[in-house]
């Protein structure tokens, strides 16, 4: 289907069409000094006229000079908080007067419509689809949430300071044929007001589009949108050379750069919580002694915590170095072995929300830049018998 044109004033019809079909609409809104994803009722809740300014360890909101509804990139939250909640009750057992127990049914799964999912996050959802539903063991809660979710993606025309989705092949445009979205919008500003090119990604999306007051987009409108997206790809705030990177990282597990970054890393786990693809969890059991009930909950965890890698006798990664190395090499190297793709989508959240401004693109580039010379040095040492090569 050819792109259609939707005026900003008609965004309300999109919300209404989704509400009529029982969706809880979730989208960007301004709260607590940031643009966050929360349940919203209408287009009036969108961050009209707001943008973000991001760099390593810094984030602030600024007013735009127009009425763009999607004139930002990504905030602190990822959509995984709705598809893979931070706390999920797995079961609850309640004691019966007879002495037995009744096991509660799982909580109902909500039906969400996500408004404003960026291309990098569309790709992140695809990655989590692979993690939770692509193997022998399927997460039933995620599968049901994902099956019900309606996704309205929005292409990026204004990347921010920590974005590098172009390097990862995940943006600034949703890839043609990507089955992870239902509709995709491209916001264009004319005389201070936005208009939207709308494209279809699914049969459900086509059904919703038919209810909206659109017209066929002109060649000029389509060309202008294409040019804006091409320009955005050239203006990324960061760049990551991914050529051969997985192998380079795997061959440099004792690189001195790991010690340098470990001296800065406070192992707070912010990067893993903000990341749209990180999936580490743990299980908490709780018992109420007043009524004899018990619950088991799955909660988000992080590979930066000592407890996460704890086995009998202690943690297998007791140092900052080991935990940061585990995270970065998993994200950019061993994730490829597990799932056939990198675990990073170039959204830049881990850079922005790191309290000490550690930059994954800089760390990877530093190891790449010296890995060749270091490999040659180790070969020379091995030839002369001076030192053993470090074990990886």
Protein backbone atom coordinates (compact mmCIF):
# COMPACT_ATOMS: atom_id res chain seq x y z
CA UNK A 1 0.00 0.00 0.00
CA UNK A 2 1.29 3.47 -0.89
CA UNK A 3 1.99 5.91 1.96
CA UNK A 4 -0.95 7.98 3.16
CA UNK A 5 -0.94 11.48 4.60
CA UNK A 6 -2.46 12.20 8.03
CA UNK A 7 -2.84 15.67 9.48
CA UNK A 8 -1.85 16.25 13.11
CA UNK A 9 -5.39 17.28 13.97
CA UNK A 10 -6.57 13.81 13.00
CA UNK A 11 -4.32 11.95 15.46
CA UNK A 12 -7.31 11.81 17.77
CA UNK A 13 -9.07 9.47 15.37
CA UNK A 14 -6.17 7.03 15.73
CA UNK A 15 -6.52 7.02 19.51
CA UNK A 16 -10.29 6.62 19.25
CA UNK A 17 -10.03 3.73 16.81
CA UNK A 18 -7.65 1.93 19.15
CA UNK A 19 -9.79 2.60 22.22
CA UNK A 20 -12.87 1.30 20.38
CA UNK A 21 -11.05 -2.00 19.91
CA UNK A 22 -10.22 -2.33 23.60
CA UNK A 23 -6.60 -1.20 23.55
CA UNK A 24 -4.98 0.68 26.42
CA UNK A 25 -2.93 3.30 24.61
CA UNK A 26 0.63 3.78 25.89
CA UNK A 27 2.88 6.49 24.55
CA UNK A 28 5.36 9.29 25.25
CA UNK A 29 4.44 12.01 27.71
CA UNK A 30 6.31 14.56 29.81
CA UNK A 31 6.66 13.59 33.46
CA UNK A 32 9.29 14.21 36.14
CA UNK A 33 11.55 16.17 33.80
CA UNK A 34 11.74 13.48 31.12
CA UNK A 35 9.78 12.00 28.24
CA UNK A 36 8.52 8.67 29.52
CA UNK A 37 6.20 5.94 28.24
CA UNK A 38 2.98 5.79 30.21
CA UNK A 39 -0.70 5.07 29.58
CA UNK A 40 -2.13 8.12 27.80
CA UNK A 41 -5.69 8.93 26.82
CA UNK A 42 -5.34 11.15 23.76
CA UNK A 43 -3.01 13.09 21.49
CA UNK A 44 -3.14 15.93 24.04
CA UNK A 45 -0.91 13.85 26.32
CA UNK A 46 1.90 13.63 23.73
CA UNK A 47 5.03 15.79 24.30
CA UNK A 48 3.96 18.53 21.90
CA UNK A 49 6.77 21.02 21.30
CA UNK A 50 9.31 19.20 23.47
CA UNK A 51 12.63 17.59 22.65
CA UNK A 52 15.52 15.98 24.54
CA UNK A 53 19.21 16.85 24.61
CA UNK A 54 21.35 13.83 25.49
CA UNK A 55 25.03 13.10 25.92
CA UNK A 56 27.12 10.76 28.04
CA UNK A 57 25.69 10.93 31.55
CA UNK A 58 23.41 13.90 30.76
CA UNK A 59 19.76 14.38 29.82
CA UNK A 60 17.52 17.42 29.74
CA UNK A 61 14.30 18.59 28.13
CA UNK A 62 14.15 21.63 25.87
CA UNK A 63 11.36 23.46 24.12
CA UNK A 64 11.20 23.18 20.35
CA UNK A 65 10.22 25.99 17.99
CA UNK A 66 7.36 23.99 16.51
CA UNK A 67 4.47 21.74 17.55
CA UNK A 68 6.07 18.38 16.80
CA UNK A 69 4.54 15.52 18.79
CA UNK A 70 7.48 13.18 18.22
CA UNK A 71 10.37 15.63 18.13
CA UNK A 72 12.52 13.60 20.53
CA UNK A 73 14.40 10.28 20.40
CA UNK A 74 14.14 7.91 23.39
CA UNK A 75 13.79 8.57 27.10
CA UNK A 76 14.86 6.53 30.12
CA UNK A 77 12.24 3.81 29.69
CA UNK A 78 12.14 0.96 27.20
CA UNK A 79 8.98 -0.74 25.99
CA UNK A 80 10.07 -3.97 27.66
CA UNK A 81 8.54 -2.69 30.90
CA UNK A 82 5.12 -3.43 29.33
CA UNK A 83 6.01 -6.64 27.49
CA UNK A 84 8.34 -8.04 30.16
CA UNK A 85 7.33 -6.31 33.43
CA UNK A 86 9.89 -5.51 36.10
CA UNK A 87 7.82 -7.50 38.62
CA UNK A 88 5.56 -10.37 37.57
CA UNK A 89 3.66 -12.64 39.93
CA UNK A 90 4.16 -16.21 38.74
CA UNK A 91 1.79 -17.80 41.20
CA UNK A 92 0.08 -17.26 44.54
CA UNK A 93 -0.97 -19.99 46.98
CA UNK A 94 -3.60 -19.33 49.66
CA UNK A 95 -4.26 -21.60 52.61
CA UNK A 96 -7.70 -23.16 52.91
CA UNK A 97 -9.50 -23.80 56.23
CA UNK A 98 -9.27 -27.53 55.53
CA UNK A 99 -5.48 -27.29 55.58
CA UNK A 100 -4.89 -27.49 51.84
CA UNK A 101 -3.88 -24.72 49.42
CA UNK A 102 -5.54 -22.98 46.49
CA UNK A 103 -3.28 -21.87 43.66
CA UNK A 104 -4.36 -18.59 42.07
CA UNK A 105 -4.66 -18.18 38.30
CA UNK A 106 -2.13 -15.88 36.57
CA UNK A 107 -3.13 -12.24 36.41
CA UNK A 108 -4.91 -11.16 33.19
CA UNK A 109 -2.61 -9.93 30.45
CA UNK A 110 -3.34 -6.32 29.36
CA UNK A 111 -4.03 -5.33 25.76
CA UNK A 112 -1.72 -2.47 24.82
CA UNK A 113 -1.36 -0.21 21.82
CA UNK A 114 2.11 1.36 21.81
CA UNK A 115 2.26 4.82 20.21
CA UNK A 116 5.63 6.21 19.12
CA UNK A 117 7.90 3.15 19.06
CA UNK A 118 11.21 4.18 17.48
CA UNK A 119 12.85 1.94 14.86
CA UNK A 120 15.62 0.94 17.29
CA UNK A 121 12.96 -0.15 19.77
CA UNK A 122 11.00 -2.00 17.08
CA UNK A 123 14.19 -3.96 16.48
CA UNK A 124 14.66 -4.44 20.24
CA UNK A 125 11.19 -5.98 20.45
CA UNK A 126 12.13 -8.34 17.63
CA UNK A 127 15.23 -9.35 19.60
CA UNK A 128 13.19 -10.03 22.70
CA UNK A 129 10.74 -12.03 20.58
CA UNK A 130 13.67 -14.25 19.69
CA UNK A 131 14.79 -14.52 23.32
CA UNK A 132 11.40 -15.31 24.83
CA UNK A 133 9.58 -17.15 22.04
CA UNK A 134 12.21 -18.31 19.55
CA UNK A 135 13.55 -21.33 21.39
CA UNK A 136 12.38 -24.56 22.90
CA UNK A 137 11.16 -22.86 26.08
CA UNK A 138 8.60 -20.10 25.50
CA UNK A 139 7.65 -17.45 28.05
CA UNK A 140 3.82 -17.64 28.03
CA UNK A 141 3.28 -14.23 29.65
CA UNK A 142 5.52 -12.47 27.12
CA UNK A 143 3.98 -14.39 24.24
CA UNK A 144 0.46 -13.32 25.20
CA UNK A 145 1.42 -9.68 25.78
CA UNK A 146 3.26 -9.59 22.48
CA UNK A 147 0.42 -11.24 20.58
CA UNK A 148 -2.06 -8.65 21.83
CA UNK A 149 0.13 -5.56 21.40
CA UNK A 150 -0.57 -3.11 18.56
CA UNK A 151 2.54 -1.13 17.59
CA UNK A 152 2.52 2.32 16.01
CA UNK A 153 6.15 3.01 15.14
CA UNK A 154 7.56 6.47 14.39
CA UNK A 155 10.60 6.92 12.16
CA UNK A 156 13.37 9.19 13.49
CA UNK A 157 14.18 12.42 11.68
CA UNK A 158 16.18 14.03 14.52
CA UNK A 159 18.73 11.74 16.21
CA UNK A 160 20.20 12.75 19.55
CA UNK A 161 23.74 12.93 20.89
CA UNK A 162 23.97 9.31 22.02
CA UNK A 163 22.18 7.66 19.09
CA UNK A 164 24.02 5.19 16.84
CA UNK A 165 21.19 3.13 15.35
CA UNK A 166 22.53 3.74 11.83
CA UNK A 167 25.68 1.83 12.81
CA UNK A 168 23.62 -1.12 14.02
CA UNK A 169 21.28 -1.20 11.01
CA UNK A 170 18.26 -0.59 13.24
CA UNK A 171 17.28 2.93 12.22
CA UNK A 172 16.50 5.74 11.72
CA UNK A 173 13.83 4.10 9.56
CA UNK A 174 11.84 0.96 10.25
CA UNK A 175 13.07 -1.63 7.82
CA UNK A 176 10.69 -2.54 4.96
CA UNK A 177 9.00 -5.86 5.52
CA UNK A 178 9.59 -5.79 9.28
CA UNK A 179 6.68 -7.71 10.80
CA UNK A 180 7.16 -6.17 14.25
CA UNK A 181 4.88 -3.15 13.75
CA UNK A 182 1.34 -2.44 12.58
CA UNK A 183 1.60 1.18 11.45
CA UNK A 184 4.59 3.49 11.04
CA UNK A 185 4.49 7.29 10.98
CA UNK A 186 7.05 9.73 9.64
CA UNK A 187 6.59 13.18 11.15
CA UNK A 188 7.17 16.17 8.85
CA UNK A 189 6.99 19.82 9.94
CA UNK A 190 5.32 22.38 7.69
CA UNK A 191 4.94 25.96 8.94
CA UNK A 192 5.48 24.80 12.52
CA UNK A 193 2.81 22.10 12.44
CA UNK A 194 3.40 18.39 11.85
CA UNK A 195 1.87 16.14 9.24
CA UNK A 196 2.42 12.40 9.04
CA UNK A 197 3.20 9.91 6.33
CA UNK A 198 1.53 6.64 7.36
CA UNK A 199 2.62 3.21 6.13
CA UNK A 200 1.14 -0.19 6.93
CA UNK A 201 3.02 -3.10 8.50
CA UNK A 202 0.23 -5.62 9.13
CA UNK A 203 -3.38 -6.52 8.39
CA UNK A 204 -4.39 -5.07 11.75
CA UNK A 205 -2.66 -1.85 10.79
CA UNK A 206 -4.48 -1.76 7.47
CA UNK A 207 -7.81 -2.12 9.27
CA UNK A 208 -7.05 0.80 11.58
CA UNK A 209 -5.72 2.95 8.74
CA UNK A 210 -8.98 2.50 6.86
CA UNK A 211 -10.75 4.30 9.73
CA UNK A 212 -8.50 7.38 9.62
CA UNK A 213 -9.10 10.53 7.53
CA UNK A 214 -6.08 10.17 5.25
CA UNK A 215 -5.27 10.86 1.61
CA UNK A 216 -2.65 9.40 -0.68
CA UNK A 217 0.71 11.10 -0.11
CA UNK A 218 2.18 13.07 -2.99
CA UNK A 219 5.54 12.24 -4.55
CA UNK A 220 6.89 15.45 -3.03
CA UNK A 221 5.77 14.49 0.47
CA UNK A 222 7.27 11.02 0.16
CA UNK A 223 10.55 12.40 -1.21
CA UNK A 224 10.76 14.97 1.60
CA UNK A 225 10.29 12.25 4.21
CA UNK A 226 12.93 10.06 2.56
CA UNK A 227 15.37 12.97 2.50
CA UNK A 228 14.76 13.75 6.18
CA UNK A 229 15.46 10.14 7.15
CA UNK A 230 18.60 9.98 5.02
CA UNK A 231 19.78 13.19 6.65
CA UNK A 232 19.11 11.75 10.11
CA UNK A 233 21.30 8.75 9.30
CA UNK A 234 24.17 11.17 8.59
CA UNK A 235 23.69 13.10 11.85
CA UNK A 236 24.00 10.33 14.43
CA UNK A 237 25.62 11.48 17.65
CA UNK A 238 27.71 8.30 17.91
CA UNK A 239 29.16 5.66 15.59
CA UNK A 240 30.12 2.03 16.17
CA UNK A 241 32.19 0.05 13.70
CA UNK A 242 30.63 -3.42 13.89
CA UNK A 243 32.78 -5.12 11.24
CA UNK A 244 34.35 -8.18 12.88
CA UNK A 245 33.63 -6.71 16.31
CA UNK A 246 32.26 -9.91 17.85
CA UNK A 247 35.49 -11.77 17.08
CA UNK A 248 37.68 -8.87 18.20
CA UNK A 249 36.01 -8.73 21.61
CA UNK A 250 36.13 -12.50 22.03
CA UNK A 251 39.89 -12.44 21.36
CA UNK A 252 40.58 -9.62 23.82
CA UNK A 253 39.09 -10.71 27.12
CA UNK A 254 42.28 -9.67 28.95
CA UNK A 255 42.71 -6.35 27.17
CA UNK A 256 43.95 -3.57 29.52
CA UNK A 257 40.97 -1.42 28.52
CA UNK A 258 38.77 -3.57 30.77
CA UNK A 259 40.78 -2.41 33.78
CA UNK A 260 40.47 1.22 32.71
CA UNK A 261 36.69 1.12 32.38
CA UNK A 262 36.38 -0.89 35.62
CA UNK A 263 38.07 1.96 37.48
CA UNK A 264 35.14 4.20 36.45
CA UNK A 265 32.21 1.76 36.52
CA UNK A 266 30.20 1.79 39.75
CA UNK A 267 28.26 -1.38 38.75
CA UNK A 268 24.95 0.37 39.41
CA UNK A 269 23.16 -1.54 36.65
CA UNK A 270 21.57 1.58 35.11
CA UNK A 271 22.67 0.46 31.65
CA UNK A 272 20.91 -2.89 31.99
CA UNK A 273 17.70 -1.37 33.36
CA UNK A 274 17.51 1.26 30.60
CA UNK A 275 18.52 -1.18 27.84
CA UNK A 276 15.58 -2.33 25.68
CA UNK A 277 16.98 -5.85 25.22
CA UNK A 278 18.58 -6.88 28.55
CA UNK A 279 16.59 -9.76 30.00
CA UNK A 280 18.27 -10.92 33.24
CA UNK A 281 15.79 -11.86 35.97
CA UNK A 282 15.70 -13.56 39.32
CA UNK A 283 12.93 -15.11 41.44
CA UNK A 284 11.71 -13.94 44.84
CA UNK A 285 9.54 -16.03 47.15
CA UNK A 286 7.47 -14.37 49.85
CA UNK A 287 5.33 -15.87 52.61
CA UNK A 288 2.69 -14.07 54.67
CA UNK A 289 2.70 -15.56 58.17
CA UNK A 290 -0.61 -13.90 59.07
CA UNK A 291 -2.70 -15.87 56.58
CA UNK A 292 -0.29 -18.56 55.38
CA UNK A 293 -0.29 -17.36 51.77
CA UNK A 294 2.80 -17.48 49.58
CA UNK A 295 3.83 -15.87 46.30
CA UNK A 296 6.56 -16.30 43.77
CA UNK A 297 7.55 -13.25 41.73
CA UNK A 298 9.90 -12.83 38.81
CA UNK A 299 11.81 -9.53 39.01
CA UNK A 300 14.37 -7.81 36.83
CA UNK A 301 17.98 -8.39 37.80
CA UNK A 302 21.32 -7.29 36.37
CA UNK A 303 24.60 -8.98 35.52
CA UNK A 304 26.24 -6.08 37.41
CA UNK A 305 25.04 -7.38 40.78
CA UNK A 306 27.18 -9.79 42.79
CA UNK A 307 24.18 -11.94 43.64
CA UNK A 308 23.32 -12.55 39.99
CA UNK A 309 26.53 -14.51 39.39
CA UNK A 310 26.60 -16.09 42.84
CA UNK A 311 27.07 -19.85 42.99
CA UNK A 312 28.13 -22.09 45.87
CA UNK A 313 31.21 -20.47 47.37
CA UNK A 314 30.75 -16.96 45.98
CA UNK A 315 30.28 -14.88 42.85
CA UNK A 316 31.96 -16.06 39.65
CA UNK A 317 32.40 -12.39 38.67
CA UNK A 318 33.53 -10.63 41.86
CA UNK A 319 35.25 -7.67 40.15
CA UNK A 320 33.93 -4.56 38.37
CA UNK A 321 36.09 -5.58 35.45
CA UNK A 322 34.52 -9.00 35.16
CA UNK A 323 30.96 -7.70 35.37
CA UNK A 324 31.39 -4.86 32.87
CA UNK A 325 33.25 -7.18 30.48
CA UNK A 326 30.46 -9.74 30.78
CA UNK A 327 27.85 -7.12 29.88
CA UNK A 328 29.63 -5.55 26.91
CA UNK A 329 30.91 -8.79 25.38
CA UNK A 330 27.49 -10.38 25.74
CA UNK A 331 25.79 -7.39 24.12
CA UNK A 332 28.15 -7.15 21.13
CA UNK A 333 29.71 -10.62 20.81
CA UNK A 334 28.28 -13.71 22.50
CA UNK A 335 24.70 -12.54 21.91
CA UNK A 336 25.46 -13.20 18.23
CA UNK A 337 26.35 -16.79 19.12
CA UNK A 338 23.10 -17.21 21.06
CA UNK A 339 20.57 -15.44 18.87
CA UNK A 340 22.23 -14.62 15.55
CA UNK A 341 22.25 -10.86 16.05
CA UNK A 342 23.87 -8.30 18.33
CA UNK A 343 22.02 -7.48 21.54
CA UNK A 344 22.54 -3.74 21.00
CA UNK A 345 20.21 -1.63 18.84
CA UNK A 346 22.09 1.68 19.07
CA UNK A 347 19.48 3.56 21.13
CA UNK A 348 22.19 5.14 23.31
CA UNK A 349 20.28 4.78 26.58
CA UNK A 350 23.19 3.04 28.31
CA UNK A 351 25.42 6.03 27.50
CA UNK A 352 22.92 8.70 28.55
CA UNK A 353 21.90 7.06 31.82
CA UNK A 354 25.34 5.95 32.98
CA UNK A 355 26.10 8.19 35.99
CA UNK A 356 29.80 8.35 35.05
CA UNK A 357 29.25 8.64 31.31
CA UNK A 358 30.78 5.35 30.14
CA UNK A 359 30.26 5.07 26.39
CA UNK A 360 29.89 1.60 24.87
CA UNK A 361 30.96 2.91 21.44
CA UNK A 362 34.18 4.37 22.87
CA UNK A 363 35.02 1.20 24.79
CA UNK A 364 34.53 -1.03 21.77
CA UNK A 365 36.50 1.37 19.55
CA UNK A 366 39.41 1.50 22.02
CA UNK A 367 39.70 -2.30 22.07
CA UNK A 368 39.47 -2.44 18.28
CA UNK A 369 42.11 0.27 17.84
CA UNK A 370 44.77 -1.57 19.85
CA UNK A 371 43.78 -5.20 19.38
CA UNK A 372 45.92 -5.66 16.25
CA UNK A 373 49.06 -4.18 17.77
CA UNK A 374 48.47 -6.10 20.99
CA UNK A 375 48.01 -9.38 19.11
CA UNK A 376 51.29 -8.77 17.28
CA UNK A 377 53.06 -8.09 20.58
CA UNK A 378 51.73 -11.30 22.12
CA UNK A 379 52.86 -13.25 19.04
CA UNK A 380 56.35 -11.79 19.37
CA UNK A 381 56.45 -12.73 23.05
CA UNK A 382 55.32 -16.25 22.29
CA UNK A 383 58.00 -16.60 19.61
CA UNK A 384 60.83 -15.50 21.89
CA UNK A 385 59.51 -17.46 24.84
CA UNK A 386 59.54 -14.37 27.04
CA UNK A 387 55.95 -14.58 28.33
CA UNK A 388 52.92 -16.74 27.98
CA UNK A 389 49.94 -15.23 26.18
CA UNK A 390 47.20 -14.30 28.65
CA UNK A 391 44.42 -16.82 28.97
CA UNK A 392 40.97 -15.78 27.72
